[in-house]
PDB file of N, CA and C in Angstrom:
ATOM      1  N   UNK A   1      37.771 -40.086-101.433  1.00  0.00           N
ATOM      2  CA  UNK A   1      36.724 -39.567-102.296  1.00  0.00           C
ATOM      3  C   UNK A   1      36.861 -38.048-102.368  1.00  0.00           C
ATOM      4  N   UNK A   2      36.731 -37.502-103.567  1.00  0.00           N
ATOM      5  CA  UNK A   2      36.821 -36.066-103.769  1.00  0.00           C
ATOM      6  C   UNK A   2      35.430 -35.508-104.021  1.00  0.00           C
ATOM      7  N   UNK A   3      35.116 -34.422-103.363  1.00  0.00           N
ATOM      8  CA  UNK A   3      33.845 -33.741-103.589  1.00  0.00           C
ATOM      9  C   UNK A   3      34.110 -32.279-103.893  1.00  0.00           C
ATOM     10  N   UNK A   4      33.405 -31.752-104.886  1.00  0.00           N
ATOM     11  CA  UNK A   4      33.514 -30.342-105.256  1.00  0.00           C
ATOM     12  C   UNK A   4      32.154 -29.685-105.056  1.00  0.00           C
ATOM     13  N   UNK A   5      32.147 -28.569-104.370  1.00  0.00           N
ATOM     14  CA  UNK A   5      30.895 -27.861-104.102  1.00  0.00           C
ATOM     15  C   UNK A   5      31.029 -26.421-104.561  1.00  0.00           C
ATOM     16  N   UNK A   6      30.208 -26.067-105.553  1.00  0.00           N
ATOM     17  CA  UNK A   6      30.240 -24.711-106.088  1.00  0.00           C
ATOM     18  C   UNK A   6      29.239 -23.820-105.353  1.00  0.00           C
ATOM     19  N   UNK A   7      29.532 -22.533-105.346  1.00  0.00           N
ATOM     20  CA  UNK A   7      28.615 -21.544-104.803  1.00  0.00           C
ATOM     21  C   UNK A   7      28.871 -20.206-105.473  1.00  0.00           C
ATOM     22  N   UNK A   8      27.922 -19.276-105.289  1.00  0.00           N
ATOM     23  CA  UNK A   8      28.135 -17.923-105.773  1.00  0.00           C
ATOM     24  C   UNK A   8      27.356 -17.550-107.010  1.00  0.00           C
ATOM     25  N   UNK A   9      26.647 -18.493-107.593  1.00  0.00           N
ATOM     26  CA  UNK A   9      25.847 -18.162-108.757  1.00  0.00           C
ATOM     27  C   UNK A   9      24.635 -17.329-108.378  1.00  0.00           C
ATOM     28  N   UNK A  10      23.914 -16.863-109.385  1.00  0.00           N
ATOM     29  CA  UNK A  10      22.720 -16.078-109.120  1.00  0.00           C
ATOM     30  C   UNK A  10      22.298 -15.282-110.337  1.00  0.00           C
ATOM     31  N   UNK A  11      21.415 -14.339-110.084  1.00  0.00           N
ATOM     32  CA  UNK A  11      20.896 -13.460-111.133  1.00  0.00           C
ATOM     33  C   UNK A  11      21.535 -12.088-111.001  1.00  0.00           C
ATOM     34  N   UNK A  12      22.031 -11.562-112.105  1.00  0.00           N
ATOM     35  CA  UNK A  12      22.691 -10.265-112.090  1.00  0.00           C
ATOM     36  C   UNK A  12      22.364  -9.532-113.383  1.00  0.00           C
ATOM     37  N   UNK A  13      22.348  -8.225-113.333  1.00  0.00           N
ATOM     38  CA  UNK A  13      22.115  -7.438-114.540  1.00  0.00           C
ATOM     39  C   UNK A  13      23.384  -7.365-115.378  1.00  0.00           C
ATOM     40  N   UNK A  14      23.205  -7.162-116.668  1.00  0.00           N
ATOM     41  CA  UNK A  14      24.342  -6.997-117.568  1.00  0.00           C
ATOM     42  C   UNK A  14      25.250  -5.881-117.064  1.00  0.00           C
ATOM     43  N   UNK A  15      26.560  -6.153-117.122  1.00  0.00           N
ATOM     44  CA  UNK A  15      27.530  -5.205-116.614  1.00  0.00           C
ATOM     45  C   UNK A  15      27.928  -5.454-115.175  1.00  0.00           C
ATOM     46  N   UNK A  16      27.187  -6.319-114.504  1.00  0.00           N
ATOM     47  CA  UNK A  16      27.462  -6.618-113.106  1.00  0.00           C
ATOM     48  C   UNK A  16      28.542  -7.667-112.933  1.00  0.00           C
ATOM     49  N   UNK A  17      28.749  -8.057-111.670  1.00  0.00           N
ATOM     50  CA  UNK A  17      29.807  -8.997-111.320  1.00  0.00           C
ATOM     51  C   UNK A  17      29.277 -10.089-110.404  1.00  0.00           C
ATOM     52  N   UNK A  18      29.921 -11.234-110.481  1.00  0.00           N
ATOM     53  CA  UNK A  18      29.688 -12.335-109.558  1.00  0.00           C
ATOM     54  C   UNK A  18      31.013 -13.022-109.300  1.00  0.00           C
ATOM     55  N   UNK A  19      31.128 -13.653-108.140  1.00  0.00           N
ATOM     56  CA  UNK A  19      32.301 -14.476-107.864  1.00  0.00           C
ATOM     57  C   UNK A  19      31.838 -15.870-107.498  1.00  0.00           C
ATOM     58  N   UNK A  20      32.294 -16.824-108.282  1.00  0.00           N
ATOM     59  CA  UNK A  20      31.998 -18.227-108.009  1.00  0.00           C
ATOM     60  C   UNK A  20      33.123 -18.827-107.174  1.00  0.00           C
ATOM     61  N   UNK A  21      32.742 -19.735-106.290  1.00  0.00           N
ATOM     62  CA  UNK A  21      33.703 -20.465-105.484  1.00  0.00           C
ATOM     63  C   UNK A  21      33.477 -21.956-105.651  1.00  0.00           C
ATOM     64  N   UNK A  22      34.553 -22.709-105.556  1.00  0.00           N
ATOM     65  CA  UNK A  22      34.467 -24.167-105.616  1.00  0.00           C
ATOM     66  C   UNK A  22      35.369 -24.720-104.524  1.00  0.00           C
ATOM     67  N   UNK A  23      34.746 -25.313-103.528  1.00  0.00           N
ATOM     68  CA  UNK A  23      35.488 -25.889-102.414  1.00  0.00           C
ATOM     69  C   UNK A  23      35.653 -27.384-102.639  1.00  0.00           C
ATOM     70  N   UNK A  24      36.875 -27.860-102.519  1.00  0.00           N
ATOM     71  CA  UNK A  24      37.180 -29.261-102.769  1.00  0.00           C
ATOM     72  C   UNK A  24      37.588 -29.970-101.489  1.00  0.00           C
ATOM     73  N   UNK A  25      37.117 -31.172-101.345  1.00  0.00           N
ATOM     74  CA  UNK A  25      37.594 -32.038-100.280  1.00  0.00           C
ATOM     75  C   UNK A  25      38.600 -33.018-100.881  1.00  0.00           C
ATOM     76  N   UNK A  26      39.458 -33.580-100.073  1.00  0.00           N
ATOM     77  CA  UNK A  26      40.417 -34.538-100.593  1.00  0.00           C
ATOM     78  C   UNK A  26      41.805 -33.938-100.736  1.00  0.00           C
ATOM     79  N   UNK A  27      42.801 -34.753-100.669  1.00  0.00           N
ATOM     80  CA  UNK A  27      44.179 -34.283-100.587  1.00  0.00           C
ATOM     81  C   UNK A  27      44.818 -34.013-101.936  1.00  0.00           C
ATOM     82  N   UNK A  28      44.140 -34.283-103.044  1.00  0.00           N
ATOM     83  CA  UNK A  28      44.789 -34.112-104.337  1.00  0.00           C
ATOM     84  C   UNK A  28      44.611 -32.708-104.892  1.00  0.00           C
ATOM     85  N   UNK A  29      43.857 -31.886-104.221  1.00  0.00           N
ATOM     86  CA  UNK A  29      43.520 -30.561-104.764  1.00  0.00           C
ATOM     87  C   UNK A  29      44.749 -29.784-105.185  1.00  0.00           C
ATOM     88  N   UNK A  30      45.738 -29.715-104.304  1.00  0.00           N
ATOM     89  CA  UNK A  30      46.843 -28.787-104.535  1.00  0.00           C
ATOM     90  C   UNK A  30      47.764 -29.229-105.662  1.00  0.00           C
ATOM     91  N   UNK A  31      47.678 -30.471-106.101  1.00  0.00           N
ATOM     92  CA  UNK A  31      48.597 -30.925-107.125  1.00  0.00           C
ATOM     93  C   UNK A  31      47.933 -31.090-108.481  1.00  0.00           C
ATOM     94  N   UNK A  32      46.659 -30.765-108.558  1.00  0.00           N
ATOM     95  CA  UNK A  32      45.943 -30.922-109.822  1.00  0.00           C
ATOM     96  C   UNK A  32      45.464 -29.587-110.362  1.00  0.00           C
ATOM     97  N   UNK A  33      45.328 -29.541-111.671  1.00  0.00           N
ATOM     98  CA  UNK A  33      44.729 -28.369-112.293  1.00  0.00           C
ATOM     99  C   UNK A  33      43.246 -28.309-111.952  1.00  0.00           C
ATOM    100  N   UNK A  34      42.736 -27.092-111.951  1.00  0.00           N
ATOM    101  CA  UNK A  34      41.318 -26.848-111.698  1.00  0.00           C
ATOM    102  C   UNK A  34      40.778 -25.990-112.825  1.00  0.00           C
ATOM    103  N   UNK A  35      39.479 -26.081-113.035  1.00  0.00           N
ATOM    104  CA  UNK A  35      38.896 -25.266-114.087  1.00  0.00           C
ATOM    105  C   UNK A  35      37.431 -25.006-113.877  1.00  0.00           C
ATOM    106  N   UNK A  36      36.928 -24.051-114.628  1.00  0.00           N
ATOM    107  CA  UNK A  36      35.500 -23.749-114.675  1.00  0.00           C
ATOM    108  C   UNK A  36      35.006 -23.968-116.097  1.00  0.00           C
ATOM    109  N   UNK A  37      33.911 -24.664-116.201  1.00  0.00           N
ATOM    110  CA  UNK A  37      33.240 -24.887-117.469  1.00  0.00           C
ATOM    111  C   UNK A  37      31.828 -24.309-117.359  1.00  0.00           C
ATOM    112  N   UNK A  38      31.200 -24.134-118.510  1.00  0.00           N
ATOM    113  CA  UNK A  38      29.803 -23.728-118.483  1.00  0.00           C
ATOM    114  C   UNK A  38      29.032 -24.445-119.589  1.00  0.00           C
ATOM    115  N   UNK A  39      27.738 -24.545-119.354  1.00  0.00           N
ATOM    116  CA  UNK A  39      26.897 -25.274-120.299  1.00  0.00           C
ATOM    117  C   UNK A  39      25.511 -24.666-120.333  1.00  0.00           C
ATOM    118  N   UNK A  40      24.989 -24.538-121.537  1.00  0.00           N
ATOM    119  CA  UNK A  40      23.593 -24.147-121.739  1.00  0.00           C
ATOM    120  C   UNK A  40      22.873 -25.345-122.345  1.00  0.00           C
ATOM    121  N   UNK A  41      21.570 -25.401-122.210  1.00  0.00           N
ATOM    122  CA  UNK A  41      20.833 -26.564-122.706  1.00  0.00           C
ATOM    123  C   UNK A  41      21.101 -26.846-124.175  1.00  0.00           C
ATOM    124  N   UNK A  42      21.293 -28.114-124.460  1.00  0.00           N
ATOM    125  CA  UNK A  42      21.462 -28.621-125.815  1.00  0.00           C
ATOM    126  C   UNK A  42      22.771 -28.196-126.475  1.00  0.00           C
ATOM    127  N   UNK A  43      23.711 -27.728-125.679  1.00  0.00           N
ATOM    128  CA  UNK A  43      25.037 -27.411-126.205  1.00  0.00           C
ATOM    129  C   UNK A  43      26.095 -28.107-125.362  1.00  0.00           C
ATOM    130  N   UNK A  44      27.265 -28.357-125.956  1.00  0.00           N
ATOM    131  CA  UNK A  44      28.321 -29.026-125.194  1.00  0.00           C
ATOM    132  C   UNK A  44      28.854 -28.131-124.075  1.00  0.00           C
ATOM    133  N   UNK A  45      29.368 -28.773-123.066  1.00  0.00           N
ATOM    134  CA  UNK A  45      30.014 -28.029-121.985  1.00  0.00           C
ATOM    135  C   UNK A  45      31.316 -27.429-122.541  1.00  0.00           C
ATOM    136  N   UNK A  46      31.578 -26.171-122.211  1.00  0.00           N
ATOM    137  CA  UNK A  46      32.762 -25.498-122.740  1.00  0.00           C
ATOM    138  C   UNK A  46      33.652 -24.998-121.608  1.00  0.00           C
ATOM    139  N   UNK A  47      34.948 -25.031-121.871  1.00  0.00           N
ATOM    140  CA  UNK A  47      35.913 -24.539-120.893  1.00  0.00           C
ATOM    141  C   UNK A  47      35.851 -23.022-120.840  1.00  0.00           C
ATOM    142  N   UNK A  48      35.765 -22.488-119.652  1.00  0.00           N
ATOM    143  CA  UNK A  48      35.788 -21.041-119.439  1.00  0.00           C
ATOM    144  C   UNK A  48      37.176 -20.594-119.013  1.00  0.00           C
ATOM    145  N   UNK A  49      37.737 -21.269-118.026  1.00  0.00           N
ATOM    146  CA  UNK A  49      39.053 -20.893-117.518  1.00  0.00           C
ATOM    147  C   UNK A  49      39.631 -22.074-116.757  1.00  0.00           C
ATOM    148  N   UNK A  50      40.962 -22.140-116.733  1.00  0.00           N
ATOM    149  CA  UNK A  50      41.621 -23.175-115.956  1.00  0.00           C
ATOM    150  C   UNK A  50      42.872 -22.602-115.305  1.00  0.00           C
ATOM    151  N   UNK A  51      43.313 -23.267-114.235  1.00  0.00           N
ATOM    152  CA  UNK A  51      44.511 -22.849-113.531  1.00  0.00           C
ATOM    153  C   UNK A  51      45.259 -24.099-113.104  1.00  0.00           C
ATOM    154  N   UNK A  52      46.566 -24.119-113.369  1.00  0.00           N
ATOM    155  CA  UNK A  52      47.371 -25.272-112.995  1.00  0.00           C
ATOM    156  C   UNK A  52      47.769 -25.190-111.524  1.00  0.00           C
ATOM    157  N   UNK A  53      48.387 -26.233-111.041  1.00  0.00           N
ATOM    158  CA  UNK A  53      48.838 -26.229-109.649  1.00  0.00           C
ATOM    159  C   UNK A  53      49.874 -25.145-109.414  1.00  0.00           C
ATOM    160  N   UNK A  54      50.597 -24.768-110.460  1.00  0.00           N
ATOM    161  CA  UNK A  54      51.599 -23.719-110.335  1.00  0.00           C
ATOM    162  C   UNK A  54      51.074 -22.318-110.556  1.00  0.00           C
ATOM    163  N   UNK A  55      49.781 -22.226-110.903  1.00  0.00           N
ATOM    164  CA  UNK A  55      49.172 -20.912-111.046  1.00  0.00           C
ATOM    165  C   UNK A  55      49.079 -20.396-112.472  1.00  0.00           C
ATOM    166  N   UNK A  56      49.490 -21.193-113.443  1.00  0.00           N
ATOM    167  CA  UNK A  56      49.331 -20.777-114.837  1.00  0.00           C
ATOM    168  C   UNK A  56      47.859 -20.839-115.222  1.00  0.00           C
ATOM    169  N   UNK A  57      47.391 -19.796-115.905  1.00  0.00           N
ATOM    170  CA  UNK A  57      45.971 -19.706-116.241  1.00  0.00           C
ATOM    171  C   UNK A  57      45.751 -19.705-117.751  1.00  0.00           C
ATOM    172  N   UNK A  58      44.553 -20.097-118.111  1.00  0.00           N
ATOM    173  CA  UNK A  58      44.150 -20.087-119.515  1.00  0.00           C
ATOM    174  C   UNK A  58      42.668 -19.758-119.562  1.00  0.00           C
ATOM    175  N   UNK A  59      42.263 -18.950-120.553  1.00  0.00           N
ATOM    176  CA  UNK A  59      40.876 -18.494-120.627  1.00  0.00           C
ATOM    177  C   UNK A  59      40.303 -18.691-122.027  1.00  0.00           C
ATOM    178  N   UNK A  60      39.015 -18.900-122.077  1.00  0.00           N
ATOM    179  CA  UNK A  60      38.322 -18.853-123.354  1.00  0.00           C
ATOM    180  C   UNK A  60      38.378 -17.421-123.874  1.00  0.00           C
ATOM    181  N   UNK A  61      38.461 -17.289-125.191  1.00  0.00           N
ATOM    182  CA  UNK A  61      38.558 -15.957-125.784  1.00  0.00           C
ATOM    183  C   UNK A  61      37.375 -15.079-125.381  1.00  0.00           C
ATOM    184  N   UNK A  62      36.229 -15.686-125.222  1.00  0.00           N
ATOM    185  CA  UNK A  62      35.015 -14.930-124.937  1.00  0.00           C
ATOM    186  C   UNK A  62      35.005 -14.271-123.563  1.00  0.00           C
ATOM    187  N   UNK A  63      35.888 -14.715-122.671  1.00  0.00           N
ATOM    188  CA  UNK A  63      35.888 -14.160-121.310  1.00  0.00           C
ATOM    189  C   UNK A  63      37.188 -13.450-120.956  1.00  0.00           C
ATOM    190  N   UNK A  64      38.164 -13.472-121.846  1.00  0.00           N
ATOM    191  CA  UNK A  64      39.442 -12.824-121.563  1.00  0.00           C
ATOM    192  C   UNK A  64      39.233 -11.339-121.256  1.00  0.00           C
ATOM    193  N   UNK A  65      39.894 -10.882-120.211  1.00  0.00           N
ATOM    194  CA  UNK A  65      39.779  -9.497-119.818  1.00  0.00           C
ATOM    195  C   UNK A  65      38.592  -9.208-118.913  1.00  0.00           C
ATOM    196  N   UNK A  66      37.684 -10.178-118.772  1.00  0.00           N
ATOM    197  CA  UNK A  66      36.505  -9.981-117.919  1.00  0.00           C
ATOM    198  C   UNK A  66      36.486 -10.951-116.727  1.00  0.00           C
ATOM    199  N   UNK A  67      36.963 -12.166-116.934  1.00  0.00           N
ATOM    200  CA  UNK A  67      36.942 -13.186-115.886  1.00  0.00           C
ATOM    201  C   UNK A  67      38.365 -13.426-115.386  1.00  0.00           C
ATOM    202  N   UNK A  68      38.474 -13.761-114.106  1.00  0.00           N
ATOM    203  CA  UNK A  68      39.754 -14.102-113.505  1.00  0.00           C
ATOM    204  C   UNK A  68      39.599 -15.344-112.646  1.00  0.00           C
ATOM    205  N   UNK A  69      40.435 -16.341-112.918  1.00  0.00           N
ATOM    206  CA  UNK A  69      40.430 -17.551-112.112  1.00  0.00           C
ATOM    207  C   UNK A  69      41.594 -17.494-111.134  1.00  0.00           C
ATOM    208  N   UNK A  70      41.358 -17.971-109.924  1.00  0.00           N
ATOM    209  CA  UNK A  70      42.418 -18.010-108.916  1.00  0.00           C
ATOM    210  C   UNK A  70      42.167 -19.199-107.999  1.00  0.00           C
ATOM    211  N   UNK A  71      43.183 -19.545-107.209  1.00  0.00           N
ATOM    212  CA  UNK A  71      43.021 -20.670-106.300  1.00  0.00           C
ATOM    213  C   UNK A  71      43.731 -20.376-104.998  1.00  0.00           C
ATOM    214  N   UNK A  72      43.207 -20.962-103.946  1.00  0.00           N
ATOM    215  CA  UNK A  72      43.813 -20.881-102.622  1.00  0.00           C
ATOM    216  C   UNK A  72      44.034 -22.318-102.166  1.00  0.00           C
ATOM    217  N   UNK A  73      45.252 -22.795-102.311  1.00  0.00           N
ATOM    218  CA  UNK A  73      45.523 -24.189-101.974  1.00  0.00           C
ATOM    219  C   UNK A  73      45.341 -24.471-100.480  1.00  0.00           C
ATOM    220  N   UNK A  74      45.560 -23.469 -99.660  1.00  0.00           N
ATOM    221  CA  UNK A  74      45.374 -23.653 -98.221  1.00  0.00           C
ATOM    222  C   UNK A  74      43.919 -23.895 -97.856  1.00  0.00           C
ATOM    223  N   UNK A  75      43.013 -23.345 -98.659  1.00  0.00           N
ATOM    224  CA  UNK A  75      41.575 -23.511 -98.412  1.00  0.00           C
ATOM    225  C   UNK A  75      40.953 -24.525 -99.367  1.00  0.00           C
ATOM    226  N   UNK A  76      41.767 -25.137-100.218  1.00  0.00           N
ATOM    227  CA  UNK A  76      41.245 -26.090-101.203  1.00  0.00           C
ATOM    228  C   UNK A  76      40.104 -25.488-102.010  1.00  0.00           C
ATOM    229  N   UNK A  77      40.288 -24.265-102.449  1.00  0.00           N
ATOM    230  CA  UNK A  77      39.208 -23.536-103.125  1.00  0.00           C
ATOM    231  C   UNK A  77      39.724 -22.863-104.391  1.00  0.00           C
ATOM    232  N   UNK A  78      38.901 -22.898-105.420  1.00  0.00           N
ATOM    233  CA  UNK A  78      39.186 -22.165-106.644  1.00  0.00           C
ATOM    234  C   UNK A  78      38.054 -21.168-106.857  1.00  0.00           C
ATOM    235  N   UNK A  79      38.403 -20.016-107.402  1.00  0.00           N
ATOM    236  CA  UNK A  79      37.442 -18.939-107.581  1.00  0.00           C
ATOM    237  C   UNK A  79      37.365 -18.540-109.051  1.00  0.00           C
ATOM    238  N   UNK A  80      36.237 -17.973-109.417  1.00  0.00           N
ATOM    239  CA  UNK A  80      36.090 -17.358-110.736  1.00  0.00           C
ATOM    240  C   UNK A  80      35.420 -16.000-110.525  1.00  0.00           C
ATOM    241  N   UNK A  81      36.204 -14.949-110.662  1.00  0.00           N
ATOM    242  CA  UNK A  81      35.673 -13.598-110.584  1.00  0.00           C
ATOM    243  C   UNK A  81      35.192 -13.209-111.967  1.00  0.00           C
ATOM    244  N   UNK A  82      33.918 -12.870-112.064  1.00  0.00           N
ATOM    245  CA  UNK A  82      33.310 -12.550-113.356  1.00  0.00           C
ATOM    246  C   UNK A  82      32.831 -11.113-113.335  1.00  0.00           C
ATOM    247  N   UNK A  83      33.435 -10.294-114.170  1.00  0.00           N
ATOM    248  CA  UNK A  83      33.072  -8.887-114.271  1.00  0.00           C
ATOM    249  C   UNK A  83      32.497  -8.589-115.651  1.00  0.00           C
ATOM    250  N   UNK A  84      31.838  -7.441-115.765  1.00  0.00           N
ATOM    251  CA  UNK A  84      31.261  -7.017-117.046  1.00  0.00           C
ATOM    252  C   UNK A  84      30.435  -8.139-117.676  1.00  0.00           C
ATOM    253  N   UNK A  85      29.594  -8.724-116.885  1.00  0.00           N
ATOM    254  CA  UNK A  85      28.814  -9.874-117.359  1.00  0.00           C
ATOM    255  C   UNK A  85      27.857  -9.483-118.469  1.00  0.00           C
ATOM    256  N   UNK A  86      27.662 -10.425-119.379  1.00  0.00           N
ATOM    257  CA  UNK A  86      26.792 -10.234-120.539  1.00  0.00           C
ATOM    258  C   UNK A  86      25.698 -11.308-120.524  1.00  0.00           C
ATOM    259  N   UNK A  87      24.583 -11.049-121.175  1.00  0.00           N
ATOM    260  CA  UNK A  87      23.549 -12.092-121.244  1.00  0.00           C
ATOM    261  C   UNK A  87      24.078 -13.405-121.823  1.00  0.00           C
ATOM    262  N   UNK A  88      25.048 -13.310-122.723  1.00  0.00           N
ATOM    263  CA  UNK A  88      25.642 -14.509-123.307  1.00  0.00           C
ATOM    264  C   UNK A  88      26.428 -15.345-122.316  1.00  0.00           C
ATOM    265  N   UNK A  89      26.698 -14.813-121.138  1.00  0.00           N
ATOM    266  CA  UNK A  89      27.388 -15.580-120.090  1.00  0.00           C
ATOM    267  C   UNK A  89      26.417 -16.452-119.297  1.00  0.00           C
ATOM    268  N   UNK A  90      25.138 -16.301-119.553  1.00  0.00           N
ATOM    269  CA  UNK A  90      24.144 -17.102-118.846  1.00  0.00           C
ATOM    270  C   UNK A  90      24.358 -18.579-119.132  1.00  0.00           C
ATOM    271  N   UNK A  91      24.522 -19.362-118.088  1.00  0.00           N
ATOM    272  CA  UNK A  91      24.801 -20.802-118.213  1.00  0.00           C
ATOM    273  C   UNK A  91      24.853 -21.410-116.818  1.00  0.00           C
ATOM    274  N   UNK A  92      24.947 -22.715-116.801  1.00  0.00           N
ATOM    275  CA  UNK A  92      25.272 -23.406-115.551  1.00  0.00           C
ATOM    276  C   UNK A  92      26.786 -23.591-115.546  1.00  0.00           C
ATOM    277  N   UNK A  93      27.407 -23.178-114.479  1.00  0.00           N
ATOM    278  CA  UNK A  93      28.852 -23.215-114.367  1.00  0.00           C
ATOM    279  C   UNK A  93      29.279 -24.384-113.478  1.00  0.00           C
ATOM    280  N   UNK A  94      30.256 -25.139-113.993  1.00  0.00           N
ATOM    281  CA  UNK A  94      30.727 -26.333-113.304  1.00  0.00           C
ATOM    282  C   UNK A  94      32.206 -26.198-112.974  1.00  0.00           C
ATOM    283  N   UNK A  95      32.559 -26.658-111.815  1.00  0.00           N
ATOM    284  CA  UNK A  95      33.944 -26.719-111.386  1.00  0.00           C
ATOM    285  C   UNK A  95      34.503 -28.103-111.740  1.00  0.00           C
ATOM    286  N   UNK A  96      35.741 -28.135-112.178  1.00  0.00           N
ATOM    287  CA  UNK A  96      36.392 -29.409-112.500  1.00  0.00           C
ATOM    288  C   UNK A  96      37.753 -29.473-111.834  1.00  0.00           C
ATOM    289  N   UNK A  97      38.019 -30.624-111.238  1.00  0.00           N
ATOM    290  CA  UNK A  97      39.347 -30.962-110.719  1.00  0.00           C
ATOM    291  C   UNK A  97      39.885 -32.053-111.623  1.00  0.00           C
ATOM    292  N   UNK A  98      40.977 -31.725-112.335  1.00  0.00           N
ATOM    293  CA  UNK A  98      41.539 -32.685-113.296  1.00  0.00           C
ATOM    294  C   UNK A  98      41.928 -33.982-112.622  1.00  0.00           C
ATOM    295  N   UNK A  99      41.569 -35.033-113.314  1.00  0.00           N
ATOM    296  CA  UNK A  99      40.914 -35.124-114.584  1.00  0.00           C
ATOM    297  C   UNK A  99      39.449 -35.532-114.452  1.00  0.00           C
ATOM    298  N   UNK A 100      39.103 -36.107-113.345  1.00  0.00           N
ATOM    299  CA  UNK A 100      37.855 -36.874-113.321  1.00  0.00           C
ATOM    300  C   UNK A 100      36.748 -36.328-112.436  1.00  0.00           C
ATOM    301  N   UNK A 101      36.971 -35.220-111.753  1.00  0.00           N
ATOM    302  CA  UNK A 101      36.005 -34.794-110.741  1.00  0.00           C
ATOM    303  C   UNK A 101      35.288 -33.519-111.155  1.00  0.00           C
ATOM    304  N   UNK A 102      33.975 -33.540-110.957  1.00  0.00           N
ATOM    305  CA  UNK A 102      33.123 -32.406-111.310  1.00  0.00           C
ATOM    306  C   UNK A 102      32.208 -32.060-110.145  1.00  0.00           C
ATOM    307  N   UNK A 103      31.896 -30.774-110.054  1.00  0.00           N
ATOM    308  CA  UNK A 103      30.877 -30.344-109.111  1.00  0.00           C
ATOM    309  C   UNK A 103      29.497 -30.454-109.738  1.00  0.00           C
ATOM    310  N   UNK A 104      28.483 -30.102-108.938  1.00  0.00           N
ATOM    311  CA  UNK A 104      27.096 -30.199-109.395  1.00  0.00           C
ATOM    312  C   UNK A 104      26.689 -29.003-110.256  1.00  0.00           C
ATOM    313  N   UNK A 105      27.432 -27.937-110.159  1.00  0.00           N
ATOM    314  CA  UNK A 105      27.124 -26.761-110.957  1.00  0.00           C
ATOM    315  C   UNK A 105      26.368 -25.701-110.190  1.00  0.00           C
ATOM    316  N   UNK A 106      26.506 -24.480-110.657  1.00  0.00           N
ATOM    317  CA  UNK A 106      25.768 -23.352-110.088  1.00  0.00           C
ATOM    318  C   UNK A 106      25.289 -22.474-111.242  1.00  0.00           C
ATOM    319  N   UNK A 107      24.041 -22.029-111.167  1.00  0.00           N
ATOM    320  CA  UNK A 107      23.434 -21.287-112.273  1.00  0.00           C
ATOM    321  C   UNK A 107      23.816 -19.812-112.201  1.00  0.00           C
ATOM    322  N   UNK A 108      24.209 -19.294-113.353  1.00  0.00           N
ATOM    323  CA  UNK A 108      24.458 -17.861-113.512  1.00  0.00           C
ATOM    324  C   UNK A 108      23.514 -17.346-114.586  1.00  0.00           C
ATOM    325  N   UNK A 109      22.737 -16.346-114.236  1.00  0.00           N
ATOM    326  CA  UNK A 109      21.799 -15.747-115.185  1.00  0.00           C
ATOM    327  C   UNK A 109      22.051 -14.251-115.251  1.00  0.00           C
ATOM    328  N   UNK A 110      22.293 -13.759-116.459  1.00  0.00           N
ATOM    329  CA  UNK A 110      22.576 -12.339-116.666  1.00  0.00           C
ATOM    330  C   UNK A 110      21.433 -11.737-117.473  1.00  0.00           C
ATOM    331  N   UNK A 111      20.774 -10.767-116.885  1.00  0.00           N
ATOM    332  CA  UNK A 111      19.622 -10.137-117.545  1.00  0.00           C
ATOM    333  C   UNK A 111      20.032  -8.817-118.194  1.00  0.00           C
ATOM    334  N   UNK A 112      19.230  -8.400-119.156  1.00  0.00           N
ATOM    335  CA  UNK A 112      19.500  -7.138-119.842  1.00  0.00           C
ATOM    336  C   UNK A 112      19.209  -5.952-118.934  1.00  0.00           C
TER     337      UNK A 112
END
């Protein structure tokens, strides 16, 4: 059984930074892609960033240059460093382990 546990969300002022972490249990972590998604009420969940097992990354246009995804296979953890946060980044952020595993989410709120 695979479990993903996110942490690091919170309330921050615009222009600030947060780092999200997602710790995974289970032996498949190192061979699967990981990603961060976000969702606001009444809208579809959207991909924010992903990283393959080999370290190739991909970002949504809206976060390029501000967010950085990374992973530590030894710790079974993926991170999302979020800088220059904007109110539009406010959402619940979910960790995903391809293809079928999701975390419970962590709330990020960016105030003016």
